[in-house]
């Protein structure tokens, strides 16, 4: 599975990046019993520190198909999950379609769960 790019201006964000990933793993596509991170829907996680000691996060994500019935709701679900972290000041989620999602982006765990091996 191609890993999403996690960008940060500070080395201490590695731990925060892991917390963000853990939160992303709590968000599930309602039609597929796999979380958005292991499904490979997260393309970029960009973390920047802000003046109040917290961080702003920008996440580029996609969906399995542009016709996904939850296309309007999924970015908000991801945003709400990330904003639960006390270290996060703001989270902006962008829906992108390039590159298109395909099953090669899924983790081995997701493929095993969906019997796709």
PDB file of N, CA and C in Angstrom:
ATOM      1  N   UNK A   1       0.853  -1.169   0.000  1.00  0.00           N
ATOM      2  CA  UNK A   1       0.000   0.000   0.000  1.00  0.00           C
ATOM      3  C   UNK A   1       0.893   1.224   0.000  1.00  0.00           C
ATOM      4  N   UNK A   2       0.705   2.156  -0.934  1.00  0.00           N
ATOM      5  CA  UNK A   2       1.478   3.387  -0.886  1.00  0.00           C
ATOM      6  C   UNK A   2       1.102   4.176   0.366  1.00  0.00           C
ATOM      7  N   UNK A   3       2.112   4.592   1.106  1.00  0.00           N
ATOM      8  CA  UNK A   3       1.849   5.363   2.322  1.00  0.00           C
ATOM      9  C   UNK A   3       1.526   6.797   1.961  1.00  0.00           C
ATOM     10  N   UNK A   4       0.605   7.416   2.716  1.00  0.00           N
ATOM     11  CA  UNK A   4       0.345   8.819   2.463  1.00  0.00           C
ATOM     12  C   UNK A   4       1.567   9.633   2.852  1.00  0.00           C
ATOM     13  N   UNK A   5       1.723  10.767   2.216  1.00  0.00           N
ATOM     14  CA  UNK A   5       2.805  11.666   2.545  1.00  0.00           C
ATOM     15  C   UNK A   5       2.427  12.404   3.817  1.00  0.00           C
ATOM     16  N   UNK A   6       3.306  12.368   4.801  1.00  0.00           N
ATOM     17  CA  UNK A   6       3.093  13.138   6.018  1.00  0.00           C
ATOM     18  C   UNK A   6       4.184  14.185   6.071  1.00  0.00           C
ATOM     19  N   UNK A   7       3.785  15.440   5.930  1.00  0.00           N
ATOM     20  CA  UNK A   7       4.731  16.535   5.886  1.00  0.00           C
ATOM     21  C   UNK A   7       4.651  17.323   7.176  1.00  0.00           C
ATOM     22  N   UNK A   8       5.812  17.812   7.605  1.00  0.00           N
ATOM     23  CA  UNK A   8       5.843  18.599   8.824  1.00  0.00           C
ATOM     24  C   UNK A   8       7.068  19.483   8.825  1.00  0.00           C
ATOM     25  N   UNK A   9       6.942  20.639   9.430  1.00  0.00           N
ATOM     26  CA  UNK A   9       8.070  21.538   9.565  1.00  0.00           C
ATOM     27  C   UNK A   9       8.892  21.196  10.804  1.00  0.00           C
ATOM     28  N   UNK A  10       8.399  20.339  11.678  1.00  0.00           N
ATOM     29  CA  UNK A  10       9.081  20.022  12.933  1.00  0.00           C
ATOM     30  C   UNK A  10       9.149  18.517  13.142  1.00  0.00           C
ATOM     31  N   UNK A  11      10.309  18.031  13.636  1.00  0.00           N
ATOM     32  CA  UNK A  11      10.429  16.589  13.861  1.00  0.00           C
ATOM     33  C   UNK A  11       9.470  16.060  14.921  1.00  0.00           C
ATOM     34  N   UNK A  12       9.028  16.889  15.858  1.00  0.00           N
ATOM     35  CA  UNK A  12       8.145  16.423  16.921  1.00  0.00           C
ATOM     36  C   UNK A  12       6.758  16.037  16.408  1.00  0.00           C
ATOM     37  N   UNK A  13       6.475  16.346  15.167  1.00  0.00           N
ATOM     38  CA  UNK A  13       5.164  16.044  14.611  1.00  0.00           C
ATOM     39  C   UNK A  13       5.022  14.553  14.297  1.00  0.00           C
ATOM     40  N   UNK A  14       6.107  13.810  14.312  1.00  0.00           N
ATOM     41  CA  UNK A  14       5.994  12.377  14.053  1.00  0.00           C
ATOM     42  C   UNK A  14       5.001  11.724  15.003  1.00  0.00           C
ATOM     43  N   UNK A  15       5.080  12.054  16.279  1.00  0.00           N
ATOM     44  CA  UNK A  15       4.137  11.498  17.252  1.00  0.00           C
ATOM     45  C   UNK A  15       2.729  11.993  16.966  1.00  0.00           C
ATOM     46  N   UNK A  16       2.600  13.259  16.603  1.00  0.00           N
ATOM     47  CA  UNK A  16       1.287  13.799  16.259  1.00  0.00           C
ATOM     48  C   UNK A  16       0.757  13.134  14.993  1.00  0.00           C
ATOM     49  N   UNK A  17       1.634  12.907  14.035  1.00  0.00           N
ATOM     50  CA  UNK A  17       1.223  12.212  12.815  1.00  0.00           C
ATOM     51  C   UNK A  17       0.647  10.842  13.118  1.00  0.00           C
ATOM     52  N   UNK A  18       1.260  10.137  14.056  1.00  0.00           N
ATOM     53  CA  UNK A  18       0.747   8.825  14.459  1.00  0.00           C
ATOM     54  C   UNK A  18      -0.621   8.948  15.126  1.00  0.00           C
ATOM     55  N   UNK A  19      -0.805   9.998  15.920  1.00  0.00           N
ATOM     56  CA  UNK A  19      -2.112  10.216  16.548  1.00  0.00           C
ATOM     57  C   UNK A  19      -3.170  10.530  15.492  1.00  0.00           C
ATOM     58  N   UNK A  20      -2.786  11.306  14.486  1.00  0.00           N
ATOM     59  CA  UNK A  20      -3.720  11.635  13.406  1.00  0.00           C
ATOM     60  C   UNK A  20      -4.119  10.358  12.670  1.00  0.00           C
ATOM     61  N   UNK A  21      -3.139   9.526  12.361  1.00  0.00           N
ATOM     62  CA  UNK A  21      -3.427   8.255  11.680  1.00  0.00           C
ATOM     63  C   UNK A  21      -4.356   7.392  12.525  1.00  0.00           C
ATOM     64  N   UNK A  22      -4.115   7.354  13.826  1.00  0.00           N
ATOM     65  CA  UNK A  22      -4.994   6.571  14.712  1.00  0.00           C
ATOM     66  C   UNK A  22      -6.423   7.094  14.642  1.00  0.00           C
ATOM     67  N   UNK A  23      -6.589   8.416  14.591  1.00  0.00           N
ATOM     68  CA  UNK A  23      -7.930   8.988  14.479  1.00  0.00           C
ATOM     69  C   UNK A  23      -8.549   8.655  13.123  1.00  0.00           C
ATOM     70  N   UNK A  24      -7.753   8.699  12.060  1.00  0.00           N
ATOM     71  CA  UNK A  24      -8.268   8.364  10.730  1.00  0.00           C
ATOM     72  C   UNK A  24      -8.755   6.920  10.683  1.00  0.00           C
ATOM     73  N   UNK A  25      -8.133   6.077  11.462  1.00  0.00           N
ATOM     74  CA  UNK A  25      -8.534   4.667  11.498  1.00  0.00           C
ATOM     75  C   UNK A  25      -9.854   4.456  12.234  1.00  0.00           C
ATOM     76  N   UNK A  26     -10.417   5.512  12.806  1.00  0.00           N
ATOM     77  CA  UNK A  26     -11.735   5.399  13.447  1.00  0.00           C
ATOM     78  C   UNK A  26     -12.864   5.764  12.486  1.00  0.00           C
ATOM     79  N   UNK A  27     -12.498   6.227  11.286  1.00  0.00           N
ATOM     80  CA  UNK A  27     -13.498   6.646  10.296  1.00  0.00           C
ATOM     81  C   UNK A  27     -13.658   5.532   9.270  1.00  0.00           C
ATOM     82  N   UNK A  28     -14.878   5.040   9.143  1.00  0.00           N
ATOM     83  CA  UNK A  28     -15.156   3.929   8.226  1.00  0.00           C
ATOM     84  C   UNK A  28     -16.080   4.379   7.109  1.00  0.00           C
ATOM     85  N   UNK A  29     -15.806   3.881   5.926  1.00  0.00           N
ATOM     86  CA  UNK A  29     -16.728   4.057   4.818  1.00  0.00           C
ATOM     87  C   UNK A  29     -17.963   3.237   5.177  1.00  0.00           C
ATOM     88  N   UNK A  30     -19.148   3.850   5.192  1.00  0.00           N
ATOM     89  CA  UNK A  30     -20.345   3.115   5.606  1.00  0.00           C
ATOM     90  C   UNK A  30     -20.667   1.893   4.746  1.00  0.00           C
ATOM     91  N   UNK A  31     -20.175   1.872   3.512  1.00  0.00           N
ATOM     92  CA  UNK A  31     -20.475   0.746   2.624  1.00  0.00           C
ATOM     93  C   UNK A  31     -19.402  -0.328   2.632  1.00  0.00           C
ATOM     94  N   UNK A  32     -18.218   0.015   3.163  1.00  0.00           N
ATOM     95  CA  UNK A  32     -17.105  -0.933   3.179  1.00  0.00           C
ATOM     96  C   UNK A  32     -16.610  -1.016   4.620  1.00  0.00           C
ATOM     97  N   UNK A  33     -16.540  -2.187   5.214  1.00  0.00           N
ATOM     98  CA  UNK A  33     -16.168  -2.294   6.629  1.00  0.00           C
ATOM     99  C   UNK A  33     -14.661  -2.149   6.882  1.00  0.00           C
ATOM    100  N   UNK A  34     -14.057  -1.127   6.283  1.00  0.00           N
ATOM    101  CA  UNK A  34     -12.631  -0.854   6.449  1.00  0.00           C
ATOM    102  C   UNK A  34     -12.476   0.652   6.670  1.00  0.00           C
ATOM    103  N   UNK A  35     -11.539   1.030   7.533  1.00  0.00           N
ATOM    104  CA  UNK A  35     -11.332   2.455   7.799  1.00  0.00           C
ATOM    105  C   UNK A  35     -10.683   3.154   6.606  1.00  0.00           C
ATOM    106  N   UNK A  36     -10.848   4.473   6.547  1.00  0.00           N
ATOM    107  CA  UNK A  36     -10.397   5.263   5.397  1.00  0.00           C
ATOM    108  C   UNK A  36      -8.884   5.228   5.217  1.00  0.00           C
ATOM    109  N   UNK A  37      -8.143   5.089   6.313  1.00  0.00           N
ATOM    110  CA  UNK A  37      -6.680   5.059   6.202  1.00  0.00           C
ATOM    111  C   UNK A  37      -6.219   3.753   5.566  1.00  0.00           C
ATOM    112  N   UNK A  38      -6.677   2.619   6.100  1.00  0.00           N
ATOM    113  CA  UNK A  38      -6.264   1.328   5.554  1.00  0.00           C
ATOM    114  C   UNK A  38      -6.871   1.054   4.184  1.00  0.00           C
ATOM    115  N   UNK A  39      -7.964   1.711   3.893  1.00  0.00           N
ATOM    116  CA  UNK A  39      -8.558   1.587   2.564  1.00  0.00           C
ATOM    117  C   UNK A  39      -7.713   2.327   1.520  1.00  0.00           C
ATOM    118  N   UNK A  40      -6.827   3.194   1.981  1.00  0.00           N
ATOM    119  CA  UNK A  40      -5.942   3.921   1.075  1.00  0.00           C
ATOM    120  C   UNK A  40      -6.546   5.206   0.538  1.00  0.00           C
ATOM    121  N   UNK A  41      -7.523   5.743   1.251  1.00  0.00           N
ATOM    122  CA  UNK A  41      -8.193   6.962   0.786  1.00  0.00           C
ATOM    123  C   UNK A  41      -7.461   8.237   1.194  1.00  0.00           C
ATOM    124  N   UNK A  42      -6.491   8.140   2.094  1.00  0.00           N
ATOM    125  CA  UNK A  42      -5.754   9.309   2.557  1.00  0.00           C
ATOM    126  C   UNK A  42      -4.478   9.434   1.731  1.00  0.00           C
ATOM    127  N   UNK A  43      -4.339  10.553   1.030  1.00  0.00           N
ATOM    128  CA  UNK A  43      -3.170  10.764   0.167  1.00  0.00           C
ATOM    129  C   UNK A  43      -2.091  11.608   0.835  1.00  0.00           C
ATOM    130  N   UNK A  44      -2.466  12.667   1.529  1.00  0.00           N
ATOM    131  CA  UNK A  44      -1.491  13.568   2.137  1.00  0.00           C
ATOM    132  C   UNK A  44      -1.991  14.040   3.497  1.00  0.00           C
ATOM    133  N   UNK A  45      -1.079  14.091   4.452  1.00  0.00           N
ATOM    134  CA  UNK A  45      -1.345  14.690   5.758  1.00  0.00           C
ATOM    135  C   UNK A  45      -0.262  15.741   5.960  1.00  0.00           C
ATOM    136  N   UNK A  46      -0.653  16.999   5.958  1.00  0.00           N
ATOM    137  CA  UNK A  46       0.297  18.101   6.097  1.00  0.00           C
ATOM    138  C   UNK A  46       0.036  18.787   7.436  1.00  0.00           C
ATOM    139  N   UNK A  47       1.035  18.791   8.302  1.00  0.00           N
ATOM    140  CA  UNK A  47       0.895  19.338   9.655  1.00  0.00           C
ATOM    141  C   UNK A  47       1.785  20.560   9.792  1.00  0.00           C
ATOM    142  N   UNK A  48       1.210  21.654  10.257  1.00  0.00           N
ATOM    143  CA  UNK A  48       1.974  22.881  10.488  1.00  0.00           C
ATOM    144  C   UNK A  48       1.650  23.429  11.871  1.00  0.00           C
ATOM    145  N   UNK A  49       2.697  23.789  12.629  1.00  0.00           N
ATOM    146  CA  UNK A  49       2.501  24.387  13.947  1.00  0.00           C
ATOM    147  C   UNK A  49       1.975  25.804  13.795  1.00  0.00           C
ATOM    148  N   UNK A  50       1.143  26.213  14.734  1.00  0.00           N
ATOM    149  CA  UNK A  50       0.620  27.581  14.748  1.00  0.00           C
ATOM    150  C   UNK A  50       0.970  28.229  16.082  1.00  0.00           C
ATOM    151  N   UNK A  51       0.716  29.518  16.198  1.00  0.00           N
ATOM    152  CA  UNK A  51       1.155  30.312  17.343  1.00  0.00           C
ATOM    153  C   UNK A  51       0.663  29.820  18.696  1.00  0.00           C
ATOM    154  N   UNK A  52      -0.493  29.243  18.771  1.00  0.00           N
ATOM    155  CA  UNK A  52      -1.054  28.844  20.063  1.00  0.00           C
ATOM    156  C   UNK A  52      -0.494  27.520  20.589  1.00  0.00           C
ATOM    157  N   UNK A  53       0.560  27.017  19.952  1.00  0.00           N
ATOM    158  CA  UNK A  53       1.164  25.760  20.385  1.00  0.00           C
ATOM    159  C   UNK A  53       0.485  24.531  19.836  1.00  0.00           C
ATOM    160  N   UNK A  54      -0.542  24.726  19.066  1.00  0.00           N
ATOM    161  CA  UNK A  54      -1.250  23.616  18.429  1.00  0.00           C
ATOM    162  C   UNK A  54      -0.819  23.530  16.973  1.00  0.00           C
ATOM    163  N   UNK A  55      -1.454  22.659  16.230  1.00  0.00           N
ATOM    164  CA  UNK A  55      -1.108  22.472  14.823  1.00  0.00           C
ATOM    165  C   UNK A  55      -2.342  22.527  13.941  1.00  0.00           C
ATOM    166  N   UNK A  56      -2.134  23.023  12.741  1.00  0.00           N
ATOM    167  CA  UNK A  56      -3.151  22.961  11.699  1.00  0.00           C
ATOM    168  C   UNK A  56      -2.814  21.771  10.813  1.00  0.00           C
ATOM    169  N   UNK A  57      -3.839  21.086  10.344  1.00  0.00           N
ATOM    170  CA  UNK A  57      -3.650  19.902   9.513  1.00  0.00           C
ATOM    171  C   UNK A  57      -4.414  20.083   8.210  1.00  0.00           C
ATOM    172  N   UNK A  58      -3.750  19.722   7.107  1.00  0.00           N
ATOM    173  CA  UNK A  58      -4.411  19.681   5.806  1.00  0.00           C
ATOM    174  C   UNK A  58      -4.306  18.241   5.317  1.00  0.00           C
ATOM    175  N   UNK A  59      -5.437  17.671   4.969  1.00  0.00           N
ATOM    176  CA  UNK A  59      -5.476  16.288   4.492  1.00  0.00           C
ATOM    177  C   UNK A  59      -6.085  16.261   3.103  1.00  0.00           C
ATOM    178  N   UNK A  60      -5.365  15.637   2.176  1.00  0.00           N
ATOM    179  CA  UNK A  60      -5.911  15.350   0.858  1.00  0.00           C
ATOM    180  C   UNK A  60      -6.370  13.904   0.881  1.00  0.00           C
ATOM    181  N   UNK A  61      -7.605  13.692   0.497  1.00  0.00           N
ATOM    182  CA  UNK A  61      -8.152  12.337   0.483  1.00  0.00           C
ATOM    183  C   UNK A  61      -8.967  12.138  -0.783  1.00  0.00           C
ATOM    184  N   UNK A  62      -9.282  10.914  -1.052  1.00  0.00           N
ATOM    185  CA  UNK A  62     -10.120  10.580  -2.188  1.00  0.00           C
ATOM    186  C   UNK A  62     -11.215   9.626  -1.718  1.00  0.00           C
ATOM    187  N   UNK A  63     -12.005   9.174  -2.639  1.00  0.00           N
ATOM    188  CA  UNK A  63     -13.031   8.166  -2.370  1.00  0.00           C
ATOM    189  C   UNK A  63     -12.828   7.031  -3.370  1.00  0.00           C
ATOM    190  N   UNK A  64     -13.440   5.904  -3.110  1.00  0.00           N
ATOM    191  CA  UNK A  64     -13.258   4.768  -4.016  1.00  0.00           C
ATOM    192  C   UNK A  64     -13.821   5.061  -5.397  1.00  0.00           C
ATOM    193  N   UNK A  65     -14.812   5.950  -5.462  1.00  0.00           N
ATOM    194  CA  UNK A  65     -15.415   6.346  -6.730  1.00  0.00           C
ATOM    195  C   UNK A  65     -16.018   7.743  -6.583  1.00  0.00           C
ATOM    196  N   UNK A  66     -15.980   8.552  -7.630  1.00  0.00           N
ATOM    197  CA  UNK A  66     -16.623   9.874  -7.544  1.00  0.00           C
ATOM    198  C   UNK A  66     -18.128   9.786  -7.286  1.00  0.00           C
ATOM    199  N   UNK A  67     -18.728   8.647  -7.589  1.00  0.00           N
ATOM    200  CA  UNK A  67     -20.165   8.457  -7.384  1.00  0.00           C
ATOM    201  C   UNK A  67     -20.499   7.912  -5.999  1.00  0.00           C
ATOM    202  N   UNK A  68     -19.539   7.944  -5.091  1.00  0.00           N
ATOM    203  CA  UNK A  68     -19.739   7.427  -3.738  1.00  0.00           C
ATOM    204  C   UNK A  68     -20.910   8.150  -3.079  1.00  0.00           C
ATOM    205  N   UNK A  69     -21.862   7.399  -2.519  1.00  0.00           N
ATOM    206  CA  UNK A  69     -23.036   8.023  -1.908  1.00  0.00           C
ATOM    207  C   UNK A  69     -22.722   8.912  -0.704  1.00  0.00           C
ATOM    208  N   UNK A  70     -21.561   8.717  -0.072  1.00  0.00           N
ATOM    209  CA  UNK A  70     -21.207   9.535   1.092  1.00  0.00           C
ATOM    210  C   UNK A  70     -20.159  10.600   0.754  1.00  0.00           C
ATOM    211  N   UNK A  71     -20.034  10.915  -0.524  1.00  0.00           N
ATOM    212  CA  UNK A  71     -19.014  11.885  -0.965  1.00  0.00           C
ATOM    213  C   UNK A  71     -19.130  13.215  -0.238  1.00  0.00           C
ATOM    214  N   UNK A  72     -20.325  13.666   0.033  1.00  0.00           N
ATOM    215  CA  UNK A  72     -20.509  14.949   0.707  1.00  0.00           C
ATOM    216  C   UNK A  72     -20.224  14.847   2.204  1.00  0.00           C
ATOM    217  N   UNK A  73     -20.345  13.667   2.784  1.00  0.00           N
ATOM    218  CA  UNK A  73     -20.194  13.489   4.225  1.00  0.00           C
ATOM    219  C   UNK A  73     -18.817  13.019   4.675  1.00  0.00           C
ATOM    220  N   UNK A  74     -18.120  12.288   3.833  1.00  0.00           N
ATOM    221  CA  UNK A  74     -16.858  11.669   4.245  1.00  0.00           C
ATOM    222  C   UNK A  74     -15.795  12.694   4.664  1.00  0.00           C
ATOM    223  N   UNK A  75     -15.564  13.780   3.933  1.00  0.00           N
ATOM    224  CA  UNK A  75     -14.567  14.753   4.402  1.00  0.00           C
ATOM    225  C   UNK A  75     -14.905  15.321   5.779  1.00  0.00           C
ATOM    226  N   UNK A  76     -16.158  15.567   6.057  1.00  0.00           N
ATOM    227  CA  UNK A  76     -16.555  16.076   7.372  1.00  0.00           C
ATOM    228  C   UNK A  76     -16.315  15.025   8.455  1.00  0.00           C
ATOM    229  N   UNK A  77     -16.530  13.767   8.130  1.00  0.00           N
ATOM    230  CA  UNK A  77     -16.273  12.692   9.087  1.00  0.00           C
ATOM    231  C   UNK A  77     -14.782  12.640   9.439  1.00  0.00           C
ATOM    232  N   UNK A  78     -13.935  12.795   8.425  1.00  0.00           N
ATOM    233  CA  UNK A  78     -12.485  12.799   8.639  1.00  0.00           C
ATOM    234  C   UNK A  78     -12.091  14.029   9.461  1.00  0.00           C
ATOM    235  N   UNK A  79     -12.621  15.182   9.108  1.00  0.00           N
ATOM    236  CA  UNK A  79     -12.308  16.410   9.832  1.00  0.00           C
ATOM    237  C   UNK A  79     -12.702  16.301  11.304  1.00  0.00           C
ATOM    238  N   UNK A  80     -13.893  15.823  11.573  1.00  0.00           N
ATOM    239  CA  UNK A  80     -14.359  15.681  12.954  1.00  0.00           C
ATOM    240  C   UNK A  80     -13.472  14.739  13.758  1.00  0.00           C
ATOM    241  N   UNK A  81     -13.011  13.669  13.139  1.00  0.00           N
ATOM    242  CA  UNK A  81     -12.142  12.715  13.842  1.00  0.00           C
ATOM    243  C   UNK A  81     -10.813  13.364  14.210  1.00  0.00           C
ATOM    244  N   UNK A  82     -10.215  14.109  13.284  1.00  0.00           N
ATOM    245  CA  UNK A  82      -8.916  14.744  13.531  1.00  0.00           C
ATOM    246  C   UNK A  82      -9.046  15.859  14.560  1.00  0.00           C
ATOM    247  N   UNK A  83     -10.136  16.600  14.506  1.00  0.00           N
ATOM    248  CA  UNK A  83     -10.333  17.707  15.449  1.00  0.00           C
ATOM    249  C   UNK A  83     -10.537  17.239  16.891  1.00  0.00           C
ATOM    250  N   UNK A  84     -10.750  15.970  17.097  1.00  0.00           N
ATOM    251  CA  UNK A  84     -10.883  15.440  18.461  1.00  0.00           C
ATOM    252  C   UNK A  84      -9.546  15.456  19.214  1.00  0.00           C
ATOM    253  N   UNK A  85      -8.447  15.569  18.476  1.00  0.00           N
ATOM    254  CA  UNK A  85      -7.132  15.616  19.115  1.00  0.00           C
ATOM    255  C   UNK A  85      -6.903  17.005  19.701  1.00  0.00           C
ATOM    256  N   UNK A  86      -6.507  17.069  20.966  1.00  0.00           N
ATOM    257  CA  UNK A  86      -6.314  18.369  21.622  1.00  0.00           C
ATOM    258  C   UNK A  86      -5.172  19.163  21.009  1.00  0.00           C
ATOM    259  N   UNK A  87      -4.249  18.505  20.313  1.00  0.00           N
ATOM    260  CA  UNK A  87      -3.120  19.193  19.689  1.00  0.00           C
ATOM    261  C   UNK A  87      -3.489  19.899  18.388  1.00  0.00           C
ATOM    262  N   UNK A  88      -4.689  19.648  17.892  1.00  0.00           N
ATOM    263  CA  UNK A  88      -5.094  20.192  16.593  1.00  0.00           C
ATOM    264  C   UNK A  88      -5.893  21.476  16.766  1.00  0.00           C
ATOM    265  N   UNK A  89      -5.459  22.511  16.074  1.00  0.00           N
ATOM    266  CA  UNK A  89      -6.137  23.800  16.063  1.00  0.00           C
ATOM    267  C   UNK A  89      -7.225  23.813  14.992  1.00  0.00           C
ATOM    268  N   UNK A  90      -6.873  23.355  13.797  1.00  0.00           N
ATOM    269  CA  UNK A  90      -7.807  23.368  12.670  1.00  0.00           C
ATOM    270  C   UNK A  90      -7.453  22.227  11.728  1.00  0.00           C
ATOM    271  N   UNK A  91      -8.441  21.726  11.008  1.00  0.00           N
ATOM    272  CA  UNK A  91      -8.230  20.660  10.028  1.00  0.00           C
ATOM    273  C   UNK A  91      -9.006  20.997   8.762  1.00  0.00           C
ATOM    274  N   UNK A  92      -8.307  21.013   7.660  1.00  0.00           N
ATOM    275  CA  UNK A  92      -8.925  21.253   6.358  1.00  0.00           C
ATOM    276  C   UNK A  92      -8.775  19.976   5.536  1.00  0.00           C
ATOM    277  N   UNK A  93      -9.882  19.508   5.007  1.00  0.00           N
ATOM    278  CA  UNK A  93      -9.898  18.262   4.249  1.00  0.00           C
ATOM    279  C   UNK A  93     -10.260  18.587   2.802  1.00  0.00           C
ATOM    280  N   UNK A  94      -9.418  18.148   1.879  1.00  0.00           N
ATOM    281  CA  UNK A  94      -9.684  18.356   0.453  1.00  0.00           C
ATOM    282  C   UNK A  94      -9.927  17.013  -0.207  1.00  0.00           C
ATOM    283  N   UNK A  95     -10.971  16.965  -1.004  1.00  0.00           N
ATOM    284  CA  UNK A  95     -11.280  15.775  -1.781  1.00  0.00           C
ATOM    285  C   UNK A  95     -10.590  15.903  -3.131  1.00  0.00           C
ATOM    286  N   UNK A  96      -9.739  14.936  -3.464  1.00  0.00           N
ATOM    287  CA  UNK A  96      -8.993  14.961  -4.723  1.00  0.00           C
ATOM    288  C   UNK A  96      -9.277  13.683  -5.506  1.00  0.00           C
ATOM    289  N   UNK A  97      -9.105  13.762  -6.802  1.00  0.00           N
ATOM    290  CA  UNK A  97      -9.397  12.601  -7.654  1.00  0.00           C
ATOM    291  C   UNK A  97      -8.181  12.145  -8.449  1.00  0.00           C
ATOM    292  N   UNK A  98      -7.050  12.794  -8.242  1.00  0.00           N
ATOM    293  CA  UNK A  98      -5.841  12.441  -8.976  1.00  0.00           C
ATOM    294  C   UNK A  98      -4.718  12.208  -7.980  1.00  0.00           C
ATOM    295  N   UNK A  99      -4.145  11.033  -7.924  1.00  0.00           N
ATOM    296  CA  UNK A  99      -4.445   9.902  -8.792  1.00  0.00           C
ATOM    297  C   UNK A  99      -5.735   9.206  -8.359  1.00  0.00           C
ATOM    298  N   UNK A 100      -6.391   8.561  -9.293  1.00  0.00           N
ATOM    299  CA  UNK A 100      -7.609   7.841  -8.931  1.00  0.00           C
ATOM    300  C   UNK A 100      -7.285   6.706  -7.960  1.00  0.00           C
ATOM    301  N   UNK A 101      -8.217   6.435  -7.067  1.00  0.00           N
ATOM    302  CA  UNK A 101      -8.038   5.345  -6.118  1.00  0.00           C
ATOM    303  C   UNK A 101      -8.133   4.010  -6.845  1.00  0.00           C
ATOM    304  N   UNK A 102      -7.313   3.054  -6.414  1.00  0.00           N
ATOM    305  CA  UNK A 102      -7.473   1.665  -6.845  1.00  0.00           C
ATOM    306  C   UNK A 102      -7.051   0.770  -5.680  1.00  0.00           C
ATOM    307  N   UNK A 103      -7.345  -0.495  -5.781  1.00  0.00           N
ATOM    308  CA  UNK A 103      -7.151  -1.400  -4.649  1.00  0.00           C
ATOM    309  C   UNK A 103      -5.687  -1.568  -4.248  1.00  0.00           C
ATOM    310  N   UNK A 104      -4.745  -1.156  -5.093  1.00  0.00           N
ATOM    311  CA  UNK A 104      -3.332  -1.261  -4.721  1.00  0.00           C
ATOM    312  C   UNK A 104      -2.981  -0.322  -3.566  1.00  0.00           C
ATOM    313  N   UNK A 105      -3.826   0.640  -3.279  1.00  0.00           N
ATOM    314  CA  UNK A 105      -3.599   1.597  -2.191  1.00  0.00           C
ATOM    315  C   UNK A 105      -4.010   1.021  -0.827  1.00  0.00           C
ATOM    316  N   UNK A 106      -4.707  -0.098  -0.832  1.00  0.00           N
ATOM    317  CA  UNK A 106      -5.203  -0.699   0.410  1.00  0.00           C
ATOM    318  C   UNK A 106      -4.069  -1.374   1.183  1.00  0.00           C
ATOM    319  N   UNK A 107      -4.185  -1.354   2.505  1.00  0.00           N
ATOM    320  CA  UNK A 107      -3.225  -2.085   3.336  1.00  0.00           C
ATOM    321  C   UNK A 107      -3.486  -3.582   3.192  1.00  0.00           C
ATOM    322  N   UNK A 108      -2.490  -4.375   3.571  1.00  0.00           N
ATOM    323  CA  UNK A 108      -2.668  -5.829   3.549  1.00  0.00           C
ATOM    324  C   UNK A 108      -3.815  -6.246   4.464  1.00  0.00           C
ATOM    325  N   UNK A 109      -3.930  -5.568   5.617  1.00  0.00           N
ATOM    326  CA  UNK A 109      -5.006  -5.884   6.554  1.00  0.00           C
ATOM    327  C   UNK A 109      -6.372  -5.653   5.910  1.00  0.00           C
ATOM    328  N   UNK A 110      -6.496  -4.546   5.176  1.00  0.00           N
ATOM    329  CA  UNK A 110      -7.778  -4.244   4.520  1.00  0.00           C
ATOM    330  C   UNK A 110      -8.078  -5.282   3.450  1.00  0.00           C
ATOM    331  N   UNK A 111      -7.077  -5.652   2.675  1.00  0.00           N
ATOM    332  CA  UNK A 111      -7.298  -6.648   1.626  1.00  0.00           C
ATOM    333  C   UNK A 111      -7.671  -7.999   2.233  1.00  0.00           C
ATOM    334  N   UNK A 112      -7.040  -8.353   3.336  1.00  0.00           N
ATOM    335  CA  UNK A 112      -7.368  -9.614   4.009  1.00  0.00           C
ATOM    336  C   UNK A 112      -8.797  -9.577   4.545  1.00  0.00           C
ATOM    337  N   UNK A 113      -9.164  -8.440   5.164  1.00  0.00           N
ATOM    338  CA  UNK A 113     -10.509  -8.280   5.723  1.00  0.00           C
ATOM    339  C   UNK A 113     -11.577  -8.405   4.641  1.00  0.00           C
ATOM    340  N   UNK A 114     -11.272  -7.918   3.448  1.00  0.00           N
ATOM    341  CA  UNK A 114     -12.246  -7.952   2.345  1.00  0.00           C
ATOM    342  C   UNK A 114     -12.071  -9.163   1.431  1.00  0.00           C
ATOM    343  N   UNK A 115     -11.206 -10.114   1.838  1.00  0.00           N
ATOM    344  CA  UNK A 115     -10.946 -11.329   1.057  1.00  0.00           C
ATOM    345  C   UNK A 115     -10.530 -10.996  -0.372  1.00  0.00           C
ATOM    346  N   UNK A 116      -9.581 -10.058  -0.502  1.00  0.00           N
ATOM    347  CA  UNK A 116      -9.149  -9.636  -1.832  1.00  0.00           C
ATOM    348  C   UNK A 116      -7.766 -10.166  -2.196  1.00  0.00           C
ATOM    349  N   UNK A 117      -7.246 -11.136  -1.438  1.00  0.00           N
ATOM    350  CA  UNK A 117      -5.941 -11.726  -1.783  1.00  0.00           C
ATOM    351  C   UNK A 117      -6.126 -12.843  -2.755  1.00  0.00           C
TER     352      UNK A 117
END
